[in-house]
């Protein structure tokens, strides 16, 4: 059974957020939230519905941003 869309987005976003927070890689919180949400929604529009896959791919995309580590250290 697939979760309802708002629940799927919320759960996937929370998994990604908790992971990034846990390893100290949350930069600007507003930017991070918007980026993760955009990435998760884009994946859903492409057909992905697995929460762990959504969150893991969003984390990977976020970590590829060249400025995220610098912001995390000084944010």
N, C-alpha and C. Protein backbone atom coordinates (compact mmCIF):
# COMPACT_ATOMS: atom_id res chain seq x y z
N UNK A 1 0.85 -1.19 0.00
CA UNK A 1 0.00 0.00 0.00
C UNK A 1 0.89 1.25 0.00
N UNK A 2 0.59 2.16 -0.86
CA UNK A 2 1.36 3.39 -0.97
C UNK A 2 0.76 4.46 -0.07
N UNK A 3 1.62 5.20 0.61
CA UNK A 3 1.17 6.28 1.48
C UNK A 3 0.54 7.39 0.66
N UNK A 4 -0.37 8.12 1.28
CA UNK A 4 -0.95 9.29 0.63
C UNK A 4 0.16 10.29 0.33
N UNK A 5 0.00 11.07 -0.70
CA UNK A 5 1.05 11.98 -1.17
C UNK A 5 1.58 12.91 -0.07
N UNK A 6 0.73 13.63 0.69
CA UNK A 6 1.28 14.51 1.73
C UNK A 6 2.09 13.74 2.78
N UNK A 7 1.64 12.55 3.13
CA UNK A 7 2.36 11.73 4.11
C UNK A 7 3.67 11.25 3.53
N UNK A 8 3.67 10.86 2.28
CA UNK A 8 4.89 10.42 1.60
C UNK A 8 5.93 11.54 1.58
N UNK A 9 5.50 12.74 1.23
CA UNK A 9 6.41 13.89 1.19
C UNK A 9 6.92 14.20 2.59
N UNK A 10 6.03 14.25 3.56
CA UNK A 10 6.43 14.57 4.93
C UNK A 10 7.43 13.55 5.47
N UNK A 11 7.13 12.27 5.29
CA UNK A 11 8.02 11.23 5.81
C UNK A 11 9.39 11.27 5.13
N UNK A 12 9.40 11.43 3.84
CA UNK A 12 10.66 11.47 3.10
C UNK A 12 11.48 12.69 3.49
N UNK A 13 10.84 13.81 3.61
CA UNK A 13 11.52 15.03 4.03
C UNK A 13 12.08 14.89 5.44
N UNK A 14 11.32 14.30 6.34
CA UNK A 14 11.78 14.14 7.72
C UNK A 14 12.98 13.20 7.80
N UNK A 15 12.97 12.14 7.03
CA UNK A 15 14.11 11.21 7.01
C UNK A 15 15.37 11.94 6.56
N UNK A 16 15.27 12.69 5.47
CA UNK A 16 16.42 13.43 4.95
C UNK A 16 16.89 14.48 5.94
N UNK A 17 15.95 15.21 6.52
CA UNK A 17 16.28 16.28 7.47
C UNK A 17 16.99 15.70 8.70
N UNK A 18 16.44 14.63 9.26
CA UNK A 18 17.03 14.01 10.45
C UNK A 18 18.44 13.52 10.18
N UNK A 19 18.65 12.95 9.01
CA UNK A 19 19.98 12.46 8.66
C UNK A 19 20.96 13.63 8.57
N UNK A 20 20.61 14.65 7.80
CA UNK A 20 21.52 15.79 7.63
C UNK A 20 21.78 16.50 8.95
N UNK A 21 20.77 16.62 9.76
CA UNK A 21 20.93 17.23 11.08
C UNK A 21 21.84 16.37 11.96
N UNK A 22 21.65 15.08 11.90
CA UNK A 22 22.44 14.17 12.72
C UNK A 22 23.92 14.16 12.40
N UNK A 23 24.27 14.42 11.15
CA UNK A 23 25.69 14.44 10.79
C UNK A 23 26.24 15.87 10.70
N UNK A 24 25.42 16.84 11.10
CA UNK A 24 25.88 18.22 11.15
C UNK A 24 26.01 18.90 9.81
N UNK A 25 25.22 18.50 8.83
CA UNK A 25 25.32 19.10 7.50
C UNK A 25 24.12 19.95 7.13
N UNK A 26 23.39 20.43 8.11
CA UNK A 26 22.30 21.36 7.81
C UNK A 26 22.90 22.75 7.68
N UNK A 27 22.80 23.30 6.52
CA UNK A 27 23.28 24.66 6.31
C UNK A 27 22.14 25.62 6.66
N UNK A 28 21.88 26.56 5.84
CA UNK A 28 20.75 27.46 6.01
C UNK A 28 19.47 26.62 6.04
N UNK A 29 18.76 26.66 7.15
CA UNK A 29 17.61 25.76 7.32
C UNK A 29 16.50 26.01 6.31
N UNK A 30 16.24 27.24 5.99
CA UNK A 30 15.20 27.55 5.01
C UNK A 30 15.59 27.01 3.64
N UNK A 31 16.82 27.27 3.25
CA UNK A 31 17.31 26.78 1.95
C UNK A 31 17.27 25.26 1.92
N UNK A 32 17.73 24.63 2.99
CA UNK A 32 17.76 23.17 3.05
C UNK A 32 16.36 22.59 2.90
N UNK A 33 15.42 23.13 3.65
CA UNK A 33 14.04 22.63 3.59
C UNK A 33 13.46 22.79 2.19
N UNK A 34 13.67 23.95 1.58
CA UNK A 34 13.15 24.19 0.24
C UNK A 34 13.81 23.27 -0.78
N UNK A 35 15.11 23.08 -0.67
CA UNK A 35 15.83 22.22 -1.60
C UNK A 35 15.34 20.78 -1.49
N UNK A 36 15.28 20.26 -0.27
CA UNK A 36 14.84 18.88 -0.08
C UNK A 36 13.41 18.68 -0.57
N UNK A 37 12.54 19.62 -0.24
CA UNK A 37 11.15 19.52 -0.68
C UNK A 37 11.05 19.53 -2.20
N UNK A 38 11.76 20.44 -2.84
CA UNK A 38 11.75 20.51 -4.31
C UNK A 38 12.26 19.20 -4.91
N UNK A 39 13.36 18.69 -4.37
CA UNK A 39 13.94 17.46 -4.92
C UNK A 39 12.98 16.28 -4.75
N UNK A 40 12.39 16.14 -3.58
CA UNK A 40 11.46 15.05 -3.31
C UNK A 40 10.24 15.16 -4.22
N UNK A 41 9.70 16.35 -4.36
CA UNK A 41 8.54 16.53 -5.23
C UNK A 41 8.88 16.22 -6.68
N UNK A 42 10.06 16.59 -7.12
CA UNK A 42 10.49 16.29 -8.50
C UNK A 42 10.57 14.79 -8.73
N UNK A 43 11.09 14.08 -7.76
CA UNK A 43 11.18 12.63 -7.88
C UNK A 43 9.79 11.99 -7.93
N UNK A 44 8.89 12.49 -7.10
CA UNK A 44 7.53 11.96 -7.09
C UNK A 44 6.86 12.20 -8.43
N UNK A 45 7.08 13.37 -9.01
CA UNK A 45 6.51 13.67 -10.33
C UNK A 45 7.07 12.72 -11.40
N UNK A 46 8.26 12.18 -11.15
CA UNK A 46 8.87 11.22 -12.07
C UNK A 46 8.44 9.79 -11.79
N UNK A 47 7.63 9.60 -10.74
CA UNK A 47 7.08 8.28 -10.46
C UNK A 47 7.61 7.55 -9.25
N UNK A 48 8.62 8.09 -8.59
CA UNK A 48 9.18 7.42 -7.41
C UNK A 48 8.22 7.55 -6.23
N UNK A 49 8.01 6.45 -5.50
CA UNK A 49 7.10 6.48 -4.36
C UNK A 49 7.68 5.84 -3.10
N UNK A 50 8.92 5.40 -3.15
CA UNK A 50 9.55 4.76 -1.99
C UNK A 50 10.20 5.83 -1.11
N UNK A 51 9.73 5.97 0.14
CA UNK A 51 10.23 7.05 1.00
C UNK A 51 11.75 7.05 1.20
N UNK A 52 12.34 5.90 1.41
CA UNK A 52 13.79 5.87 1.61
C UNK A 52 14.55 6.25 0.35
N UNK A 53 14.05 5.84 -0.78
CA UNK A 53 14.70 6.22 -2.04
C UNK A 53 14.56 7.73 -2.25
N UNK A 54 13.38 8.27 -1.98
CA UNK A 54 13.17 9.71 -2.11
C UNK A 54 14.13 10.48 -1.21
N UNK A 55 14.22 10.08 0.04
CA UNK A 55 15.07 10.80 0.99
C UNK A 55 16.54 10.62 0.64
N UNK A 56 16.95 9.41 0.29
CA UNK A 56 18.37 9.18 -0.02
C UNK A 56 18.81 9.96 -1.25
N UNK A 57 17.97 10.01 -2.25
CA UNK A 57 18.33 10.78 -3.45
C UNK A 57 18.35 12.28 -3.17
N UNK A 58 17.43 12.74 -2.34
CA UNK A 58 17.42 14.17 -1.97
C UNK A 58 18.68 14.52 -1.18
N UNK A 59 19.09 13.64 -0.28
CA UNK A 59 20.32 13.86 0.48
C UNK A 59 21.51 13.91 -0.46
N UNK A 60 21.57 12.97 -1.37
CA UNK A 60 22.67 12.93 -2.33
C UNK A 60 22.73 14.22 -3.17
N UNK A 61 21.60 14.67 -3.63
CA UNK A 61 21.55 15.91 -4.41
C UNK A 61 21.99 17.10 -3.57
N UNK A 62 21.52 17.15 -2.35
CA UNK A 62 21.87 18.25 -1.44
C UNK A 62 23.37 18.28 -1.18
N UNK A 63 23.94 17.11 -0.94
CA UNK A 63 25.36 17.04 -0.61
C UNK A 63 26.24 17.37 -1.81
N UNK A 64 25.70 17.29 -3.01
CA UNK A 64 26.47 17.64 -4.20
C UNK A 64 26.56 19.15 -4.41
N UNK A 65 25.75 19.90 -3.70
CA UNK A 65 25.82 21.36 -3.81
C UNK A 65 27.16 21.82 -3.27
N UNK A 66 27.92 22.58 -4.03
CA UNK A 66 29.28 22.94 -3.59
C UNK A 66 29.33 23.79 -2.33
N UNK A 67 28.30 24.52 -2.05
CA UNK A 67 28.36 25.45 -0.91
C UNK A 67 27.76 24.89 0.38
N UNK A 68 27.16 23.71 0.37
CA UNK A 68 26.43 23.27 1.55
C UNK A 68 27.32 23.03 2.75
N UNK A 69 28.53 22.49 2.56
CA UNK A 69 29.40 22.24 3.71
C UNK A 69 29.91 23.53 4.32
N UNK A 70 30.26 24.49 3.48
CA UNK A 70 30.73 25.76 4.00
C UNK A 70 29.62 26.44 4.81
N UNK A 71 28.40 26.43 4.31
CA UNK A 71 27.30 27.02 5.04
C UNK A 71 27.02 26.29 6.34
N UNK A 72 27.14 24.97 6.34
CA UNK A 72 26.89 24.19 7.54
C UNK A 72 27.91 24.53 8.62
N UNK A 73 29.14 24.76 8.24
CA UNK A 73 30.17 25.07 9.22
C UNK A 73 29.97 26.45 9.85
N UNK A 74 29.46 27.39 9.06
CA UNK A 74 29.34 28.76 9.56
C UNK A 74 27.91 29.14 9.92
N UNK A 75 26.93 28.32 9.51
CA UNK A 75 25.52 28.64 9.75
C UNK A 75 25.16 28.44 11.14
